[in-house]
Amino acid sequence: MPLDRMKKVADKLISFGLITRRTDDPAIYLITTRGIEFLEAYKKLATYLE
């Protein structure tokens, strides 16, 4: 994915509270607790849709 599009996606995920930037190195992104919960819910939903 081109960097400019990736930045837009990352900014959107940050606004939803799913990821955050590391304070000591803003080039590194971390998943939040809310992001982990979202992934777990998504995986559960995906198994129902198979």
Protein backbone atom coordinates (compact mmCIF):
# COMPACT_ATOMS: atom_id res chain seq x y z
CA MET A 1 0.00 0.00 0.00
CA PRO A 2 1.39 3.44 -0.84
CA LEU A 3 2.60 5.41 2.17
CA ASP A 4 0.13 8.27 1.68
CA ARG A 5 -2.83 5.86 1.76
CA MET A 6 -1.38 3.96 4.71
CA LYS A 7 -1.14 7.19 6.69
CA LYS A 8 -4.83 7.90 6.06
CA VAL A 9 -5.75 4.40 7.20
CA ALA A 10 -3.54 4.67 10.30
CA ASP A 11 -5.03 8.06 11.19
CA LYS A 12 -8.53 6.59 10.89
CA LEU A 13 -7.62 3.62 13.12
CA ILE A 14 -6.14 6.04 15.66
CA SER A 15 -9.35 8.10 15.63
CA PHE A 16 -11.33 4.91 16.35
CA GLY A 17 -8.99 4.08 19.22
CA LEU A 18 -7.83 0.81 17.63
CA ILE A 19 -4.13 1.71 17.37
CA THR A 20 -1.80 4.31 18.84
CA ARG A 21 1.65 5.67 18.12
CA ARG A 22 4.56 5.03 20.44
CA THR A 23 5.52 8.18 22.28
CA ASP A 24 9.27 7.58 21.98
CA ASP A 25 9.09 6.68 18.27
CA PRO A 26 6.01 7.96 16.39
CA ALA A 27 6.92 5.80 13.38
CA ILE A 28 5.89 2.72 15.40
CA TYR A 29 2.22 1.88 15.87
CA LEU A 30 0.77 -0.26 18.64
CA ILE A 31 -2.57 -2.01 18.88
CA THR A 32 -4.73 -0.88 21.78
CA THR A 33 -6.90 -2.99 24.06
CA ARG A 34 -9.89 -1.80 22.07
CA GLY A 35 -8.13 -2.88 18.87
CA ILE A 36 -7.56 -6.37 20.26
CA GLU A 37 -11.21 -6.60 21.30
CA PHE A 38 -12.26 -5.52 17.81
CA LEU A 39 -10.07 -8.19 16.20
CA GLU A 40 -11.51 -10.88 18.46
CA ALA A 41 -15.07 -9.81 17.62
CA TYR A 42 -14.19 -9.68 13.91
CA LYS A 43 -12.74 -13.21 13.99
CA LYS A 44 -15.85 -14.49 15.76
CA LEU A 45 -18.10 -12.85 13.18
CA ALA A 46 -15.98 -14.21 10.32
CA THR A 47 -16.46 -17.78 11.60
CA TYR A 48 -20.25 -17.31 11.55
CA LEU A 49 -20.12 -16.01 7.98
CA GLU A 50 -18.13 -18.93 6.58
